[in-house]
Amino acid sequence: MTLIGETAPNAGGDLIIDGSDAGFMADVIEASNAVPVIVDFWAPWCGPCKQLGPSIEKAVLAAKGKVKLVKIDIDKHPQFAGQLRVQSIPAVFAFSGGRPIDGFMGALPDSQVKQFVDRIAGQAPANEADELLAMAKESLDLGDLGGAAQAFAQVLQADPANLKAIGGLARVYLQGGDAEKAREIADMAPEGAKDADLDSVRAALTLADAAPEETSDLEKRIAADPDDHEARYELATALAGRGAWEAASDHLLKIIEADRTWNDEAARKQLITIFEAAGPGSDIARSGRRRLSAILFS
């Protein structure tokens, strides 16, 4: 599925780039209006540069998108090193809002490099990701899949491991009918990662995987015998796989009301999966839990 205005999420390769004099304005000055940018002026013949380089790269990657690194070989690109009066290398400058805000010269111990990067990363707009996520959720609620995809992808460009953005973008594809792409996006999350939005999408994908495609025979069986719990359960599974969670919940609740323990409480377990897929705070989950409680405790 191709979404209008979609930007493909980057796996993190744009956090560290080789800069140039020609690209300095775009890569450093303009980019620093969105996220702080650290510039490392170095040269291949510089021994301390070889010591500092891996250390600062590691610290930048650990900041998870809150800061970017531009590495500039002053032998090939001397213009801005000269303008910044770089007299020895390695020379490191941090930019935010289009201007230099901090820096140091010479190789530092790993601990001090990390402190420097963390300090600069802390100056990133704290609420930018939250604002984008809120915009994305609003777009998703309004059915604007393209707008939601673009906002979620922007978050992922800055923070490829953001679980809410991963879950949100997967939800966009799922609602757009592309379960395979939704699963691919969901799999971007680190192994063992837990997040309500991501768990919700994974539950929805589980329902989609189990959903039978043909339901007319199931509907006929239920019409002939309303107590055919197996047919009703299969129909509920099909409806849930299509995202018709309210209708699916109705069928499962009818089974529970008639026979709470049928098939090792299969209806109740499937109902809980639907609540998770719809989202714990959704109207489906809230109203469904009230109805379930009324049945179980009546």
C-alpha atoms as a PDB file:
ATOM      1  CA  MET A   1       0.000   0.000   0.000  1.00  0.00           C
ATOM      2  CA  THR A   2       1.349   3.429  -0.906  1.00  0.00           C
ATOM      3  CA  LEU A   3       0.179   6.211   1.385  1.00  0.00           C
ATOM      4  CA  ILE A   4      -0.133   9.840   0.373  1.00  0.00           C
ATOM      5  CA  GLY A   5       2.627  11.937   1.902  1.00  0.00           C
ATOM      6  CA  GLU A   6       4.381   8.894   3.375  1.00  0.00           C
ATOM      7  CA  THR A   7       8.046   9.073   4.299  1.00  0.00           C
ATOM      8  CA  ALA A   8       9.769   5.726   4.741  1.00  0.00           C
ATOM      9  CA  PRO A   9      11.243   5.372   8.219  1.00  0.00           C
ATOM     10  CA  ASN A  10      15.052   5.290   8.299  1.00  0.00           C
ATOM     11  CA  ALA A  11      16.738   2.610  10.335  1.00  0.00           C
ATOM     12  CA  GLY A  12      19.158   5.178  11.819  1.00  0.00           C
ATOM     13  CA  GLY A  13      21.641   5.700   8.967  1.00  0.00           C
ATOM     14  CA  ASP A  14      20.980   9.447   8.830  1.00  0.00           C
ATOM     15  CA  LEU A  15      22.135   9.982  12.421  1.00  0.00           C
ATOM     16  CA  ILE A  16      25.800   9.925  11.348  1.00  0.00           C
ATOM     17  CA  ILE A  17      26.813  11.279   7.945  1.00  0.00           C
ATOM     18  CA  ASP A  18      29.942  12.434   6.112  1.00  0.00           C
ATOM     19  CA  GLY A  19      29.578  16.172   5.607  1.00  0.00           C
ATOM     20  CA  SER A  20      30.980  18.620   3.093  1.00  0.00           C
ATOM     21  CA  ASP A  21      31.362  22.346   2.573  1.00  0.00           C
ATOM     22  CA  ALA A  22      28.622  22.224  -0.057  1.00  0.00           C
ATOM     23  CA  GLY A  23      26.198  20.492   2.274  1.00  0.00           C
ATOM     24  CA  PHE A  24      27.065  22.328   5.485  1.00  0.00           C
ATOM     25  CA  MET A  25      24.091  24.688   5.402  1.00  0.00           C
ATOM     26  CA  ALA A  26      21.574  21.893   4.905  1.00  0.00           C
ATOM     27  CA  ASP A  27      23.227  19.171   7.003  1.00  0.00           C
ATOM     28  CA  VAL A  28      24.247  21.361   9.937  1.00  0.00           C
ATOM     29  CA  ILE A  29      22.697  24.846  10.030  1.00  0.00           C
ATOM     30  CA  GLU A  30      19.199  23.995   8.785  1.00  0.00           C
ATOM     31  CA  ALA A  31      19.106  20.518  10.349  1.00  0.00           C
ATOM     32  CA  SER A  32      19.960  21.934  13.768  1.00  0.00           C
ATOM     33  CA  ASN A  33      16.639  23.765  13.794  1.00  0.00           C
ATOM     34  CA  ALA A  34      14.976  20.375  14.303  1.00  0.00           C
ATOM     35  CA  VAL A  35      17.566  18.475  16.356  1.00  0.00           C
ATOM     36  CA  PRO A  36      21.035  19.429  17.698  1.00  0.00           C
ATOM     37  CA  VAL A  37      23.864  18.605  15.297  1.00  0.00           C
ATOM     38  CA  ILE A  38      27.423  17.791  16.378  1.00  0.00           C
ATOM     39  CA  VAL A  39      30.177  18.453  13.821  1.00  0.00           C
ATOM     40  CA  ASP A  40      33.418  16.498  14.075  1.00  0.00           C
ATOM     41  CA  PHE A  41      36.249  18.103  12.080  1.00  0.00           C
ATOM     42  CA  TRP A  42      38.904  15.458  11.423  1.00  0.00           C
ATOM     43  CA  ALA A  43      41.492  14.231   8.910  1.00  0.00           C
ATOM     44  CA  PRO A  44      42.727  10.744   7.920  1.00  0.00           C
ATOM     45  CA  TRP A  45      46.286  11.470   9.142  1.00  0.00           C
ATOM     46  CA  CYS A  46      45.155  12.594  12.610  1.00  0.00           C
ATOM     47  CA  GLY A  47      45.822   9.972  15.299  1.00  0.00           C
ATOM     48  CA  PRO A  48      43.614  11.510  18.035  1.00  0.00           C
ATOM     49  CA  CYS A  49      40.809  11.768  15.462  1.00  0.00           C
ATOM     50  CA  LYS A  50      40.884   7.986  15.061  1.00  0.00           C
ATOM     51  CA  GLN A  51      40.529   7.677  18.830  1.00  0.00           C
ATOM     52  CA  LEU A  52      37.682  10.173  19.129  1.00  0.00           C
ATOM     53  CA  GLY A  53      35.694   9.094  16.071  1.00  0.00           C
ATOM     54  CA  PRO A  54      34.366   5.724  17.308  1.00  0.00           C
ATOM     55  CA  SER A  55      33.716   7.157  20.767  1.00  0.00           C
ATOM     56  CA  ILE A  56      31.573  10.031  19.574  1.00  0.00           C
ATOM     57  CA  GLU A  57      29.741   7.850  17.049  1.00  0.00           C
ATOM     58  CA  LYS A  58      28.840   5.367  19.786  1.00  0.00           C
ATOM     59  CA  ALA A  59      27.536   8.145  22.033  1.00  0.00           C
ATOM     60  CA  VAL A  60      25.462   9.677  19.237  1.00  0.00           C
ATOM     61  CA  LEU A  61      23.865   6.328  18.380  1.00  0.00           C
ATOM     62  CA  ALA A  62      23.110   5.762  22.071  1.00  0.00           C
ATOM     63  CA  ALA A  63      21.218   9.092  22.124  1.00  0.00           C
ATOM     64  CA  LYS A  64      18.651   7.461  19.803  1.00  0.00           C
ATOM     65  CA  GLY A  65      17.924  10.345  17.486  1.00  0.00           C
ATOM     66  CA  LYS A  66      18.118  13.209  19.980  1.00  0.00           C
ATOM     67  CA  VAL A  67      21.295  14.445  18.299  1.00  0.00           C
ATOM     68  CA  LYS A  68      22.980  13.942  14.915  1.00  0.00           C
ATOM     69  CA  LEU A  69      26.639  13.787  13.909  1.00  0.00           C
ATOM     70  CA  VAL A  70      28.250  15.263  10.802  1.00  0.00           C
ATOM     71  CA  LYS A  71      31.870  14.232  10.185  1.00  0.00           C
ATOM     72  CA  ILE A  72      33.905  16.599   7.988  1.00  0.00           C
ATOM     73  CA  ASP A  73      37.334  15.793   6.552  1.00  0.00           C
ATOM     74  CA  ILE A  74      39.076  19.188   6.660  1.00  0.00           C
ATOM     75  CA  ASP A  75      41.572  18.156   3.974  1.00  0.00           C
ATOM     76  CA  LYS A  76      38.723  17.815   1.482  1.00  0.00           C
ATOM     77  CA  HIS A  77      36.413  20.453   2.950  1.00  0.00           C
ATOM     78  CA  PRO A  78      38.356  23.265   4.675  1.00  0.00           C
ATOM     79  CA  GLN A  79      35.906  26.176   4.236  1.00  0.00           C
ATOM     80  CA  PHE A  80      33.805  26.000   7.389  1.00  0.00           C
ATOM     81  CA  ALA A  81      36.662  24.711   9.517  1.00  0.00           C
ATOM     82  CA  GLY A  82      38.425  27.940   8.582  1.00  0.00           C
ATOM     83  CA  GLN A  83      35.380  30.076   9.326  1.00  0.00           C
ATOM     84  CA  LEU A  84      35.117  28.483  12.763  1.00  0.00           C
ATOM     85  CA  ARG A  85      38.854  29.104  13.292  1.00  0.00           C
ATOM     86  CA  VAL A  86      39.730  25.466  13.774  1.00  0.00           C
ATOM     87  CA  GLN A  87      43.460  25.447  14.519  1.00  0.00           C
ATOM     88  CA  SER A  88      43.882  21.824  15.607  1.00  0.00           C
ATOM     89  CA  ILE A  89      41.954  18.617  15.237  1.00  0.00           C
ATOM     90  CA  PRO A  90      39.907  16.818  16.266  1.00  0.00           C
ATOM     91  CA  ALA A  91      37.656  19.808  16.771  1.00  0.00           C
ATOM     92  CA  VAL A  92      34.034  19.269  17.751  1.00  0.00           C
ATOM     93  CA  PHE A  93      31.241  21.865  17.554  1.00  0.00           C
ATOM     94  CA  ALA A  94      27.601  21.466  18.548  1.00  0.00           C
ATOM     95  CA  PHE A  95      24.903  23.432  16.718  1.00  0.00           C
ATOM     96  CA  SER A  96      21.325  24.132  17.739  1.00  0.00           C
ATOM     97  CA  GLY A  97      18.912  26.569  16.163  1.00  0.00           C
ATOM     98  CA  GLY A  98      21.416  27.284  13.397  1.00  0.00           C
ATOM     99  CA  ARG A  99      24.261  28.466  15.630  1.00  0.00           C
ATOM    100  CA  PRO A 100      27.176  26.899  17.547  1.00  0.00           C
ATOM    101  CA  ILE A 101      26.372  26.371  21.234  1.00  0.00           C
ATOM    102  CA  ASP A 102      29.242  24.244  22.569  1.00  0.00           C
ATOM    103  CA  GLY A 103      32.325  22.296  21.592  1.00  0.00           C
ATOM    104  CA  PHE A 104      35.768  21.002  22.464  1.00  0.00           C
ATOM    105  CA  MET A 105      39.117  20.230  20.864  1.00  0.00           C
ATOM    106  CA  GLY A 106      41.286  17.147  21.163  1.00  0.00           C
ATOM    107  CA  ALA A 107      40.414  13.578  22.057  1.00  0.00           C
ATOM    108  CA  LEU A 108      38.548  13.056  25.323  1.00  0.00           C
ATOM    109  CA  PRO A 109      37.922   9.898  27.368  1.00  0.00           C
ATOM    110  CA  ASP A 110      34.774   7.974  26.422  1.00  0.00           C
ATOM    111  CA  SER A 111      33.002   9.055  29.611  1.00  0.00           C
ATOM    112  CA  GLN A 112      33.534  12.761  28.862  1.00  0.00           C
ATOM    113  CA  VAL A 113      32.485  12.310  25.232  1.00  0.00           C
ATOM    114  CA  LYS A 114      29.272  10.655  26.404  1.00  0.00           C
ATOM    115  CA  GLN A 115      28.617  13.465  28.886  1.00  0.00           C
ATOM    116  CA  PHE A 116      29.085  16.029  26.118  1.00  0.00           C
ATOM    117  CA  VAL A 117      26.749  14.231  23.701  1.00  0.00           C
ATOM    118  CA  ASP A 118      24.128  13.661  26.408  1.00  0.00           C
ATOM    119  CA  ARG A 119      24.265  17.333  27.358  1.00  0.00           C
ATOM    120  CA  ILE A 120      23.741  18.407  23.759  1.00  0.00           C
ATOM    121  CA  ALA A 121      21.034  15.792  23.205  1.00  0.00           C
ATOM    122  CA  GLY A 122      19.218  17.168  26.230  1.00  0.00           C
ATOM    123  CA  GLN A 123      18.763  20.463  24.394  1.00  0.00           C
ATOM    124  CA  ALA A 124      16.593  18.838  21.738  1.00  0.00           C
ATOM    125  CA  PRO A 125      12.962  20.015  21.699  1.00  0.00           C
ATOM    126  CA  ALA A 126      11.552  17.821  24.459  1.00  0.00           C
ATOM    127  CA  ASN A 127       7.977  17.739  23.199  1.00  0.00           C
ATOM    128  CA  GLU A 128       8.565  17.503  19.456  1.00  0.00           C
ATOM    129  CA  ALA A 129       8.068  13.737  19.281  1.00  0.00           C
ATOM    130  CA  ASP A 130       5.038  13.906  21.571  1.00  0.00           C
ATOM    131  CA  GLU A 131       3.482  16.612  19.401  1.00  0.00           C
ATOM    132  CA  LEU A 132       4.062  14.570  16.249  1.00  0.00           C
ATOM    133  CA  LEU A 133       2.628  11.467  17.878  1.00  0.00           C
ATOM    134  CA  ALA A 134      -0.451  13.419  18.964  1.00  0.00           C
ATOM    135  CA  MET A 135      -0.883  14.774  15.423  1.00  0.00           C
ATOM    136  CA  ALA A 136      -0.477  11.272  14.004  1.00  0.00           C
ATOM    137  CA  LYS A 137      -3.062   9.806  16.361  1.00  0.00           C
ATOM    138  CA  GLU A 138      -5.528  12.570  15.532  1.00  0.00           C
ATOM    139  CA  SER A 139      -5.022  11.965  11.804  1.00  0.00           C
ATOM    140  CA  LEU A 140      -5.508   8.237  12.324  1.00  0.00           C
ATOM    141  CA  ASP A 141      -8.720   8.810  14.272  1.00  0.00           C
ATOM    142  CA  LEU A 142      -9.991  11.010  11.421  1.00  0.00           C
ATOM    143  CA  GLY A 143      -9.135   8.389   8.819  1.00  0.00           C
ATOM    144  CA  ASP A 144      -6.292  10.433   7.307  1.00  0.00           C
ATOM    145  CA  LEU A 145      -3.900   7.521   6.804  1.00  0.00           C
ATOM    146  CA  GLY A 146      -1.440   9.559   4.720  1.00  0.00           C
ATOM    147  CA  GLY A 147      -1.134  12.301   7.337  1.00  0.00           C
ATOM    148  CA  ALA A 148      -0.770   9.757  10.124  1.00  0.00           C
ATOM    149  CA  ALA A 149       1.903   7.829   8.220  1.00  0.00           C
ATOM    150  CA  GLN A 150       3.917  10.972   7.575  1.00  0.00           C
ATOM    151  CA  ALA A 151       3.856  12.051  11.226  1.00  0.00           C
ATOM    152  CA  PHE A 152       4.726   8.600  12.577  1.00  0.00           C
ATOM    153  CA  ALA A 153       7.564   8.312  10.034  1.00  0.00           C
ATOM    154  CA  GLN A 154       8.970  11.689  11.112  1.00  0.00           C
ATOM    155  CA  VAL A 155       9.223  10.416  14.676  1.00  0.00           C
ATOM    156  CA  LEU A 156      10.936   7.247  13.471  1.00  0.00           C
ATOM    157  CA  GLN A 157      13.482   9.222  11.461  1.00  0.00           C
ATOM    158  CA  ALA A 158      14.629  10.890  14.668  1.00  0.00           C
ATOM    159  CA  ASP A 159      14.122   7.860  16.916  1.00  0.00           C
ATOM    160  CA  PRO A 160      14.004   4.551  14.996  1.00  0.00           C
ATOM    161  CA  ALA A 161      13.217   2.642  18.203  1.00  0.00           C
ATOM    162  CA  ASN A 162      10.196   4.743  19.249  1.00  0.00           C
ATOM    163  CA  LEU A 163       7.645   2.051  20.104  1.00  0.00           C
ATOM    164  CA  LYS A 164       4.586   4.284  19.870  1.00  0.00           C
ATOM    165  CA  ALA A 165       5.601   5.419  16.383  1.00  0.00           C
ATOM    166  CA  ILE A 166       6.305   1.829  15.313  1.00  0.00           C
ATOM    167  CA  GLY A 167       2.945   0.694  16.654  1.00  0.00           C
ATOM    168  CA  GLY A 168       1.197   3.690  15.114  1.00  0.00           C
ATOM    169  CA  LEU A 169       2.688   3.239  11.645  1.00  0.00           C
ATOM    170  CA  ALA A 170       1.888  -0.480  11.771  1.00  0.00           C
ATOM    171  CA  ARG A 171      -1.703   0.458  12.674  1.00  0.00           C
ATOM    172  CA  VAL A 172      -1.850   2.762   9.628  1.00  0.00           C
ATOM    173  CA  TYR A 173      -0.951  -0.092   7.311  1.00  0.00           C
ATOM    174  CA  LEU A 174      -3.315  -2.463   9.094  1.00  0.00           C
ATOM    175  CA  GLN A 175      -6.225  -0.059   8.686  1.00  0.00           C
ATOM    176  CA  GLY A 176      -5.187   0.434   5.072  1.00  0.00           C
ATOM    177  CA  GLY A 177      -5.579  -3.280   4.456  1.00  0.00           C
ATOM    178  CA  ASP A 178      -1.886  -4.185   4.207  1.00  0.00           C
ATOM    179  CA  ALA A 179      -1.364  -6.665   7.052  1.00  0.00           C
ATOM    180  CA  GLU A 180       1.961  -7.845   5.606  1.00  0.00           C
ATOM    181  CA  LYS A 181       3.465  -4.344   5.708  1.00  0.00           C
ATOM    182  CA  ALA A 182       1.951  -3.772   9.155  1.00  0.00           C
ATOM    183  CA  ARG A 183       3.717  -6.884  10.418  1.00  0.00           C
ATOM    184  CA  GLU A 184       6.991  -5.734   8.814  1.00  0.00           C
ATOM    185  CA  ILE A 185       6.772  -2.393  10.634  1.00  0.00           C
ATOM    186  CA  ALA A 186       5.830  -4.035  13.943  1.00  0.00           C
ATOM    187  CA  ASP A 187       8.876  -6.287  13.625  1.00  0.00           C
ATOM    188  CA  MET A 188      11.093  -3.175  13.719  1.00  0.00           C
ATOM    189  CA  ALA A 189      10.570  -3.068  17.481  1.00  0.00           C
ATOM    190  CA  PRO A 190      13.411  -4.493  19.593  1.00  0.00           C
ATOM    191  CA  GLU A 191      12.852  -8.046  20.768  1.00  0.00           C
ATOM    192  CA  GLY A 192      10.899  -8.130  24.004  1.00  0.00           C
ATOM    193  CA  ALA A 193       9.832  -4.480  23.742  1.00  0.00           C
ATOM    194  CA  LYS A 194       6.524  -3.753  25.482  1.00  0.00           C
ATOM    195  CA  ASP A 195       4.176  -0.906  24.645  1.00  0.00           C
ATOM    196  CA  ALA A 196       0.386  -0.702  24.728  1.00  0.00           C
ATOM    197  CA  ASP A 197       0.083   0.637  21.155  1.00  0.00           C
ATOM    198  CA  LEU A 198       2.453  -1.975  19.778  1.00  0.00           C
ATOM    199  CA  ASP A 199       0.798  -4.778  21.747  1.00  0.00           C
ATOM    200  CA  SER A 200      -2.556  -3.639  20.356  1.00  0.00           C
ATOM    201  CA  VAL A 201      -1.334  -3.925  16.767  1.00  0.00           C
ATOM    202  CA  ARG A 202       0.221  -7.322  17.397  1.00  0.00           C
ATOM    203  CA  ALA A 203      -3.070  -8.552  18.866  1.00  0.00           C
ATOM    204  CA  ALA A 204      -4.926  -7.254  15.798  1.00  0.00           C
ATOM    205  CA  LEU A 205      -2.462  -9.058  13.519  1.00  0.00           C
ATOM    206  CA  THR A 206      -2.999 -12.268  15.472  1.00  0.00           C
ATOM    207  CA  LEU A 207      -6.742 -11.925  14.929  1.00  0.00           C
ATOM    208  CA  ALA A 208      -6.235 -11.220  11.227  1.00  0.00           C
ATOM    209  CA  ASP A 209      -4.062 -14.334  10.854  1.00  0.00           C
ATOM    210  CA  ALA A 210      -6.729 -16.561  12.385  1.00  0.00           C
ATOM    211  CA  ALA A 211      -9.700 -15.099  10.517  1.00  0.00           C
ATOM    212  CA  PRO A 212     -11.541 -17.345   8.031  1.00  0.00           C
ATOM    213  CA  GLU A 213     -12.341 -15.634   4.745  1.00  0.00           C
ATOM    214  CA  GLU A 214     -15.749 -17.173   4.058  1.00  0.00           C
ATOM    215  CA  THR A 215     -18.548 -16.546   6.561  1.00  0.00           C
ATOM    216  CA  SER A 216     -21.797 -17.260   4.722  1.00  0.00           C
ATOM    217  CA  ASP A 217     -21.909 -20.905   5.863  1.00  0.00           C
ATOM    218  CA  LEU A 218     -21.240 -19.800   9.448  1.00  0.00           C
ATOM    219  CA  GLU A 219     -24.100 -17.317   9.324  1.00  0.00           C
ATOM    220  CA  LYS A 220     -26.448 -20.017   7.972  1.00  0.00           C
ATOM    221  CA  ARG A 221     -25.441 -22.392  10.763  1.00  0.00           C
ATOM    222  CA  ILE A 222     -26.154 -19.754  13.419  1.00  0.00           C
ATOM    223  CA  ALA A 223     -29.489 -18.878  11.850  1.00  0.00           C
ATOM    224  CA  ALA A 224     -30.456 -22.557  11.950  1.00  0.00           C
ATOM    225  CA  ASP A 225     -29.113 -23.063  15.475  1.00  0.00           C
ATOM    226  CA  PRO A 226     -28.371 -20.008  17.652  1.00  0.00           C
ATOM    227  CA  ASP A 227     -26.671 -22.338  20.167  1.00  0.00           C
ATOM    228  CA  ASP A 228     -24.048 -23.456  17.629  1.00  0.00           C
ATOM    229  CA  HIS A 229     -21.191 -21.961  19.636  1.00  0.00           C
ATOM    230  CA  GLU A 230     -18.511 -23.263  17.293  1.00  0.00           C
ATOM    231  CA  ALA A 231     -20.028 -21.437  14.299  1.00  0.00           C
ATOM    232  CA  ARG A 232     -20.595 -18.284  16.337  1.00  0.00           C
ATOM    233  CA  TYR A 233     -16.992 -18.387  17.592  1.00  0.00           C
ATOM    234  CA  GLU A 234     -15.633 -18.805  14.047  1.00  0.00           C
ATOM    235  CA  LEU A 235     -17.824 -15.937  12.816  1.00  0.00           C
ATOM    236  CA  ALA A 236     -16.600 -13.728  15.663  1.00  0.00           C
ATOM    237  CA  THR A 237     -13.008 -14.607  14.701  1.00  0.00           C
ATOM    238  CA  ALA A 238     -13.675 -13.648  11.083  1.00  0.00           C
ATOM    239  CA  LEU A 239     -15.270 -10.348  12.072  1.00  0.00           C
ATOM    240  CA  ALA A 240     -12.411  -9.537  14.472  1.00  0.00           C
ATOM    241  CA  GLY A 241      -9.868 -10.238  11.742  1.00  0.00           C
ATOM    242  CA  ARG A 242     -11.592  -7.631   9.570  1.00  0.00           C
ATOM    243  CA  GLY A 243     -11.572  -5.083  12.383  1.00  0.00           C
ATOM    244  CA  ALA A 244     -15.300  -5.390  13.112  1.00  0.00           C
ATOM    245  CA  TRP A 245     -14.555  -5.661  16.813  1.00  0.00           C
ATOM    246  CA  GLU A 246     -17.951  -4.575  18.144  1.00  0.00           C
ATOM    247  CA  ALA A 247     -19.826  -7.196  16.143  1.00  0.00           C
ATOM    248  CA  ALA A 248     -17.240  -9.828  17.062  1.00  0.00           C
ATOM    249  CA  SER A 249     -17.548  -8.914  20.740  1.00  0.00           C
ATOM    250  CA  ASP A 250     -21.340  -9.257  20.576  1.00  0.00           C
ATOM    251  CA  HIS A 251     -21.070 -12.829  19.310  1.00  0.00           C
ATOM    252  CA  LEU A 252     -18.473 -13.817  21.902  1.00  0.00           C
ATOM    253  CA  LEU A 253     -20.501 -12.307  24.730  1.00  0.00           C
ATOM    254  CA  LYS A 254     -23.524 -14.336  23.600  1.00  0.00           C
ATOM    255  CA  ILE A 255     -21.429 -17.500  23.867  1.00  0.00           C
ATOM    256  CA  ILE A 256     -20.184 -16.538  27.338  1.00  0.00           C
ATOM    257  CA  GLU A 257     -23.715 -15.713  28.468  1.00  0.00           C
ATOM    258  CA  ALA A 258     -24.940 -19.122  27.291  1.00  0.00           C
ATOM    259  CA  ASP A 259     -21.950 -21.173  28.461  1.00  0.00           C
ATOM    260  CA  ARG A 260     -19.118 -19.437  30.303  1.00  0.00           C
ATOM    261  CA  THR A 261     -16.728 -22.404  30.203  1.00  0.00           C
ATOM    262  CA  TRP A 262     -17.390 -23.534  26.603  1.00  0.00           C
ATOM    263  CA  ASN A 263     -14.247 -24.913  24.945  1.00  0.00           C
ATOM    264  CA  ASP A 264     -11.991 -24.044  27.893  1.00  0.00           C
ATOM    265  CA  GLU A 265     -13.288 -20.436  27.993  1.00  0.00           C
ATOM    266  CA  ALA A 266     -12.258 -19.857  24.374  1.00  0.00           C
ATOM    267  CA  ALA A 267     -14.824 -17.065  23.910  1.00  0.00           C
ATOM    268  CA  ARG A 268     -13.598 -15.105  26.926  1.00  0.00           C
ATOM    269  CA  LYS A 269      -9.961 -15.475  25.861  1.00  0.00           C
ATOM    270  CA  GLN A 270     -10.747 -14.293  22.330  1.00  0.00           C
ATOM    271  CA  LEU A 271     -12.732 -11.390  23.744  1.00  0.00           C
ATOM    272  CA  ILE A 272      -9.697 -10.265  25.777  1.00  0.00           C
ATOM    273  CA  THR A 273      -7.594 -10.372  22.601  1.00  0.00           C
ATOM    274  CA  ILE A 274     -10.145  -8.138  20.883  1.00  0.00           C
ATOM    275  CA  PHE A 275     -10.021  -5.669  23.778  1.00  0.00           C
ATOM    276  CA  GLU A 276      -6.230  -5.575  23.422  1.00  0.00           C
ATOM    277  CA  ALA A 277      -6.421  -5.130  19.643  1.00  0.00           C
ATOM    278  CA  ALA A 278      -8.937  -2.294  19.930  1.00  0.00           C
ATOM    279  CA  GLY A 279      -6.864  -0.675  22.673  1.00  0.00           C
ATOM    280  CA  PRO A 280      -7.353  -0.890  26.461  1.00  0.00           C
ATOM    281  CA  GLY A 281      -8.862   2.598  26.569  1.00  0.00           C
ATOM    282  CA  SER A 282     -11.112   2.178  23.539  1.00  0.00           C
ATOM    283  CA  ASP A 283     -14.902   2.296  23.690  1.00  0.00           C
ATOM    284  CA  ILE A 284     -14.925  -1.334  22.496  1.00  0.00           C
ATOM    285  CA  ALA A 285     -12.821  -2.444  25.461  1.00  0.00           C
ATOM    286  CA  ARG A 286     -14.614  -0.321  28.052  1.00  0.00           C
ATOM    287  CA  SER A 287     -18.147  -1.268  27.058  1.00  0.00           C
ATOM    288  CA  GLY A 288     -17.154  -4.885  26.449  1.00  0.00           C
ATOM    289  CA  ARG A 289     -15.598  -5.246  29.884  1.00  0.00           C
ATOM    290  CA  ARG A 290     -18.717  -3.802  31.509  1.00  0.00           C
ATOM    291  CA  ARG A 291     -20.907  -6.280  29.654  1.00  0.00           C
ATOM    292  CA  LEU A 292     -18.526  -9.147  30.478  1.00  0.00           C
ATOM    293  CA  SER A 293     -18.553  -8.240  34.170  1.00  0.00           C
ATOM    294  CA  ALA A 294     -22.340  -8.060  34.189  1.00  0.00           C
ATOM    295  CA  ILE A 295     -22.498 -11.591  32.757  1.00  0.00           C
ATOM    296  CA  LEU A 296     -19.835 -13.097  35.003  1.00  0.00           C
ATOM    297  CA  PHE A 297     -21.097 -11.566  38.225  1.00  0.00           C
ATOM    298  CA  SER A 298     -24.826 -11.760  37.629  1.00  0.00           C
END
